[in-house]
C-alpha atoms as a PDB file:
ATOM      1  CA  UNK A   1      86.006  34.801 -61.463  1.00  0.00           C
ATOM      2  CA  UNK A   2      84.234  31.767 -62.723  1.00  0.00           C
ATOM      3  CA  UNK A   3      84.934  30.048 -59.443  1.00  0.00           C
ATOM      4  CA  UNK A   4      83.374  32.948 -57.547  1.00  0.00           C
ATOM      5  CA  UNK A   5      80.295  32.817 -59.789  1.00  0.00           C
ATOM      6  CA  UNK A   6      79.944  29.111 -59.187  1.00  0.00           C
ATOM      7  CA  UNK A   7      80.204  29.564 -55.492  1.00  0.00           C
ATOM      8  CA  UNK A   8      77.478  32.251 -55.634  1.00  0.00           C
ATOM      9  CA  UNK A   9      75.249  29.917 -57.651  1.00  0.00           C
ATOM     10  CA  UNK A  10      75.821  27.141 -55.135  1.00  0.00           C
ATOM     11  CA  UNK A  11      74.905  29.530 -52.333  1.00  0.00           C
ATOM     12  CA  UNK A  12      71.715  30.504 -54.165  1.00  0.00           C
ATOM     13  CA  UNK A  13      70.785  26.843 -54.598  1.00  0.00           C
ATOM     14  CA  UNK A  14      71.358  26.192 -50.893  1.00  0.00           C
ATOM     15  CA  UNK A  15      69.229  29.223 -49.960  1.00  0.00           C
ATOM     16  CA  UNK A  16      66.476  28.072 -52.303  1.00  0.00           C
ATOM     17  CA  UNK A  17      66.529  24.581 -50.746  1.00  0.00           C
ATOM     18  CA  UNK A  18      66.300  26.040 -47.252  1.00  0.00           C
ATOM     19  CA  UNK A  19      63.376  28.265 -48.246  1.00  0.00           C
ATOM     20  CA  UNK A  20      61.499  25.345 -49.806  1.00  0.00           C
ATOM     21  CA  UNK A  21      62.068  23.261 -46.660  1.00  0.00           C
ATOM     22  CA  UNK A  22      60.669  26.086 -44.526  1.00  0.00           C
ATOM     23  CA  UNK A  23      57.585  26.302 -46.731  1.00  0.00           C
ATOM     24  CA  UNK A  24      56.996  22.550 -46.459  1.00  0.00           C
ATOM     25  CA  UNK A  25      57.198  22.584 -42.666  1.00  0.00           C
ATOM     26  CA  UNK A  26      54.772  25.518 -42.553  1.00  0.00           C
ATOM     27  CA  UNK A  27      52.314  23.628 -44.763  1.00  0.00           C
ATOM     28  CA  UNK A  28      52.513  20.580 -42.491  1.00  0.00           C
ATOM     29  CA  UNK A  29      51.886  22.707 -39.427  1.00  0.00           C
ATOM     30  CA  UNK A  30      48.874  24.479 -40.920  1.00  0.00           C
ATOM     31  CA  UNK A  31      47.224  21.255 -42.168  1.00  0.00           C
ATOM     32  CA  UNK A  32      44.571  19.931 -39.826  1.00  0.00           C
ATOM     33  CA  UNK A  33      44.883  16.288 -38.938  1.00  0.00           C
ATOM     34  CA  UNK A  34      42.233  14.172 -40.634  1.00  0.00           C
ATOM     35  CA  UNK A  35      39.675  12.705 -38.295  1.00  0.00           C
ATOM     36  CA  UNK A  36      39.749   8.960 -38.199  1.00  0.00           C
ATOM     37  CA  UNK A  37      36.311   7.551 -38.824  1.00  0.00           C
ATOM     38  CA  UNK A  38      35.431   4.863 -36.354  1.00  0.00           C
ATOM     39  CA  UNK A  39      34.914   1.489 -37.882  1.00  0.00           C
ATOM     40  CA  UNK A  40      31.292   0.522 -37.423  1.00  0.00           C
ATOM     41  CA  UNK A  41      31.117  -2.781 -35.649  1.00  0.00           C
ATOM     42  CA  UNK A  42      27.897  -4.755 -35.526  1.00  0.00           C
ATOM     43  CA  UNK A  43      26.505  -7.016 -32.851  1.00  0.00           C
ATOM     44  CA  UNK A  44      23.439  -9.162 -32.232  1.00  0.00           C
ATOM     45  CA  UNK A  45      21.235  -8.558 -29.188  1.00  0.00           C
ATOM     46  CA  UNK A  46      19.025 -11.446 -28.097  1.00  0.00           C
ATOM     47  CA  UNK A  47      16.055 -10.419 -25.916  1.00  0.00           C
ATOM     48  CA  UNK A  48      14.244 -13.264 -24.162  1.00  0.00           C
ATOM     49  CA  UNK A  49      11.101 -12.189 -22.319  1.00  0.00           C
ATOM     50  CA  UNK A  50       8.965 -14.365 -20.095  1.00  0.00           C
ATOM     51  CA  UNK A  51       6.278 -13.657 -17.523  1.00  0.00           C
ATOM     52  CA  UNK A  52       8.906 -13.773 -14.785  1.00  0.00           C
ATOM     53  CA  UNK A  53      12.096 -12.289 -16.248  1.00  0.00           C
ATOM     54  CA  UNK A  54      13.825 -10.540 -19.155  1.00  0.00           C
ATOM     55  CA  UNK A  55      17.231 -11.813 -20.301  1.00  0.00           C
ATOM     56  CA  UNK A  56      19.495  -9.798 -22.651  1.00  0.00           C
ATOM     57  CA  UNK A  57      22.503 -11.348 -24.391  1.00  0.00           C
ATOM     58  CA  UNK A  58      24.877  -9.346 -26.593  1.00  0.00           C
ATOM     59  CA  UNK A  59      26.973 -11.311 -29.086  1.00  0.00           C
ATOM     60  CA  UNK A  60      29.289 -10.496 -31.947  1.00  0.00           C
ATOM     61  CA  UNK A  61      28.410 -11.511 -35.496  1.00  0.00           C
ATOM     62  CA  UNK A  62      30.029 -14.925 -35.015  1.00  0.00           C
ATOM     63  CA  UNK A  63      27.781 -15.663 -32.032  1.00  0.00           C
ATOM     64  CA  UNK A  64      30.362 -15.296 -29.255  1.00  0.00           C
ATOM     65  CA  UNK A  65      28.798 -13.842 -26.103  1.00  0.00           C
ATOM     66  CA  UNK A  66      30.183 -10.420 -25.204  1.00  0.00           C
ATOM     67  CA  UNK A  67      27.811  -9.355 -22.435  1.00  0.00           C
ATOM     68  CA  UNK A  68      24.780 -10.704 -20.600  1.00  0.00           C
ATOM     69  CA  UNK A  69      22.280  -9.079 -18.269  1.00  0.00           C
ATOM     70  CA  UNK A  70      18.879  -9.955 -16.827  1.00  0.00           C
ATOM     71  CA  UNK A  71      16.107  -8.318 -14.859  1.00  0.00           C
ATOM     72  CA  UNK A  72      17.193 -10.192 -11.749  1.00  0.00           C
ATOM     73  CA  UNK A  73      20.577  -8.439 -11.806  1.00  0.00           C
ATOM     74  CA  UNK A  74      18.899  -5.024 -11.873  1.00  0.00           C
ATOM     75  CA  UNK A  75      16.367  -5.413  -9.052  1.00  0.00           C
ATOM     76  CA  UNK A  76      15.891  -7.283  -5.785  1.00  0.00           C
ATOM     77  CA  UNK A  77      12.101  -7.766  -6.012  1.00  0.00           C
ATOM     78  CA  UNK A  78      11.075 -10.914  -7.865  1.00  0.00           C
ATOM     79  CA  UNK A  79       7.782  -9.426  -8.989  1.00  0.00           C
ATOM     80  CA  UNK A  80       9.550  -6.585 -10.858  1.00  0.00           C
ATOM     81  CA  UNK A  81      12.009  -8.670 -12.898  1.00  0.00           C
ATOM     82  CA  UNK A  82       9.799  -8.728 -15.987  1.00  0.00           C
ATOM     83  CA  UNK A  83       8.677  -5.084 -15.862  1.00  0.00           C
ATOM     84  CA  UNK A  84       9.621  -2.641 -18.653  1.00  0.00           C
ATOM     85  CA  UNK A  85      11.358  -0.295 -16.198  1.00  0.00           C
ATOM     86  CA  UNK A  86      13.785  -2.947 -14.989  1.00  0.00           C
ATOM     87  CA  UNK A  87      14.348  -4.085 -18.589  1.00  0.00           C
ATOM     88  CA  UNK A  88      15.358  -0.519 -19.393  1.00  0.00           C
ATOM     89  CA  UNK A  89      17.995  -0.570 -16.624  1.00  0.00           C
ATOM     90  CA  UNK A  90      19.324  -3.868 -17.983  1.00  0.00           C
ATOM     91  CA  UNK A  91      19.561  -2.393 -21.467  1.00  0.00           C
ATOM     92  CA  UNK A  92      21.568   0.564 -20.092  1.00  0.00           C
ATOM     93  CA  UNK A  93      24.155  -1.893 -18.750  1.00  0.00           C
ATOM     94  CA  UNK A  94      24.268  -3.720 -22.089  1.00  0.00           C
ATOM     95  CA  UNK A  95      24.649  -0.437 -23.998  1.00  0.00           C
ATOM     96  CA  UNK A  96      27.596   0.616 -21.810  1.00  0.00           C
ATOM     97  CA  UNK A  97      29.320  -2.699 -22.492  1.00  0.00           C
ATOM     98  CA  UNK A  98      28.632  -2.400 -26.217  1.00  0.00           C
ATOM     99  CA  UNK A  99      30.064   1.115 -26.386  1.00  0.00           C
ATOM    100  CA  UNK A 100      33.243  -0.041 -24.620  1.00  0.00           C
ATOM    101  CA  UNK A 101      33.680  -2.727 -27.271  1.00  0.00           C
ATOM    102  CA  UNK A 102      33.035  -0.283 -30.118  1.00  0.00           C
ATOM    103  CA  UNK A 103      29.701  -1.696 -31.266  1.00  0.00           C
ATOM    104  CA  UNK A 104      27.558   0.899 -33.026  1.00  0.00           C
ATOM    105  CA  UNK A 105      25.098  -1.233 -34.974  1.00  0.00           C
ATOM    106  CA  UNK A 106      22.674  -3.824 -33.579  1.00  0.00           C
ATOM    107  CA  UNK A 107      20.623  -6.643 -35.020  1.00  0.00           C
ATOM    108  CA  UNK A 108      17.872  -7.396 -32.494  1.00  0.00           C
ATOM    109  CA  UNK A 109      16.244 -10.795 -32.079  1.00  0.00           C
ATOM    110  CA  UNK A 110      13.275 -10.948 -29.730  1.00  0.00           C
ATOM    111  CA  UNK A 111      12.031 -14.227 -28.320  1.00  0.00           C
ATOM    112  CA  UNK A 112       9.041 -14.808 -26.045  1.00  0.00           C
ATOM    113  CA  UNK A 113       7.889 -18.012 -24.378  1.00  0.00           C
ATOM    114  CA  UNK A 114       6.982 -20.791 -26.773  1.00  0.00           C
ATOM    115  CA  UNK A 115       3.427 -20.344 -27.989  1.00  0.00           C
ATOM    116  CA  UNK A 116       3.060 -16.795 -26.654  1.00  0.00           C
ATOM    117  CA  UNK A 117       1.146 -14.360 -28.854  1.00  0.00           C
ATOM    118  CA  UNK A 118       3.447 -11.357 -28.283  1.00  0.00           C
ATOM    119  CA  UNK A 119       6.786 -10.693 -26.572  1.00  0.00           C
ATOM    120  CA  UNK A 120       5.419  -8.140 -24.092  1.00  0.00           C
ATOM    121  CA  UNK A 121       6.294  -4.627 -22.981  1.00  0.00           C
ATOM    122  CA  UNK A 122       9.791  -5.329 -21.683  1.00  0.00           C
ATOM    123  CA  UNK A 123      11.177  -6.046 -25.155  1.00  0.00           C
ATOM    124  CA  UNK A 124       9.674  -2.826 -26.482  1.00  0.00           C
ATOM    125  CA  UNK A 125      11.262  -0.828 -23.646  1.00  0.00           C
ATOM    126  CA  UNK A 126      14.685  -2.350 -24.380  1.00  0.00           C
ATOM    127  CA  UNK A 127      14.536  -1.483 -28.087  1.00  0.00           C
ATOM    128  CA  UNK A 128      13.392   2.048 -27.322  1.00  0.00           C
ATOM    129  CA  UNK A 129      16.165   2.711 -24.785  1.00  0.00           C
ATOM    130  CA  UNK A 130      18.857   1.327 -27.119  1.00  0.00           C
ATOM    131  CA  UNK A 131      17.715   3.582 -29.958  1.00  0.00           C
ATOM    132  CA  UNK A 132      17.895   6.549 -27.578  1.00  0.00           C
ATOM    133  CA  UNK A 133      21.459   5.600 -26.640  1.00  0.00           C
ATOM    134  CA  UNK A 134      22.538   6.164 -30.247  1.00  0.00           C
ATOM    135  CA  UNK A 135      22.747   2.630 -31.629  1.00  0.00           C
ATOM    136  CA  UNK A 136      21.867   2.034 -35.250  1.00  0.00           C
ATOM    137  CA  UNK A 137      19.227  -0.697 -35.183  1.00  0.00           C
ATOM    138  CA  UNK A 138      19.413  -2.545 -38.467  1.00  0.00           C
ATOM    139  CA  UNK A 139      16.689  -5.145 -38.013  1.00  0.00           C
ATOM    140  CA  UNK A 140      14.271  -6.477 -35.421  1.00  0.00           C
ATOM    141  CA  UNK A 141      13.234 -10.111 -35.790  1.00  0.00           C
ATOM    142  CA  UNK A 142      10.764 -12.107 -33.701  1.00  0.00           C
ATOM    143  CA  UNK A 143      12.195 -15.599 -33.224  1.00  0.00           C
ATOM    144  CA  UNK A 144       9.516 -16.937 -30.850  1.00  0.00           C
ATOM    145  CA  UNK A 145       9.136 -20.677 -31.223  1.00  0.00           C
ATOM    146  CA  UNK A 146       5.796 -21.946 -32.491  1.00  0.00           C
ATOM    147  CA  UNK A 147       4.508 -25.392 -31.488  1.00  0.00           C
ATOM    148  CA  UNK A 148       3.460 -27.183 -34.671  1.00  0.00           C
ATOM    149  CA  UNK A 149       2.331 -30.652 -33.641  1.00  0.00           C
ATOM    150  CA  UNK A 150       1.399 -29.671 -30.128  1.00  0.00           C
ATOM    151  CA  UNK A 151       1.991 -31.803 -27.045  1.00  0.00           C
ATOM    152  CA  UNK A 152       1.377 -35.553 -27.027  1.00  0.00           C
ATOM    153  CA  UNK A 153      -2.296 -36.394 -26.708  1.00  0.00           C
ATOM    154  CA  UNK A 154      -3.305 -38.385 -23.632  1.00  0.00           C
ATOM    155  CA  UNK A 155      -4.604 -41.983 -23.473  1.00  0.00           C
ATOM    156  CA  UNK A 156      -2.251 -43.488 -26.061  1.00  0.00           C
ATOM    157  CA  UNK A 157      -2.626 -44.182 -29.738  1.00  0.00           C
ATOM    158  CA  UNK A 158      -6.078 -45.808 -29.644  1.00  0.00           C
ATOM    159  CA  UNK A 159      -7.659 -43.172 -27.417  1.00  0.00           C
ATOM    160  CA  UNK A 160      -9.629 -43.566 -24.175  1.00  0.00           C
ATOM    161  CA  UNK A 161     -11.484 -46.832 -23.783  1.00  0.00           C
ATOM    162  CA  UNK A 162     -14.880 -46.399 -22.187  1.00  0.00           C
END
């Protein structure tokens, strides 16, 4: 009889193990998978605006160029290359490339022609369209070069001899 009791106990243990396994599989099935948060990747966007064109260059944080676009690639008319509308189309192309590469955060560096007082309307249009596209703009820096000594004066070191 002891052998029969042992065999019943063993059967109970096996049943208990099977029930616990069933409960574990049910718990795994009812758990929702955790959403993976996308790793925020940052990039630097250089905007160079002149009277004749607008050039956009997207780089990673190390300075390697990832994408480049200009006003001349977005329009056929030369007179429109520097307009804010064409700059907006160029920024759309850059934003598509950035989203493909997983960039969500941008550091923007705006540069105008050397000695210019302001970068112009094209740079403003680019920044505005990128913020609408959902990029987190961390900082905007004006890196326009400033002439300090000015160009070389004419007539040599001693000046004009009259």
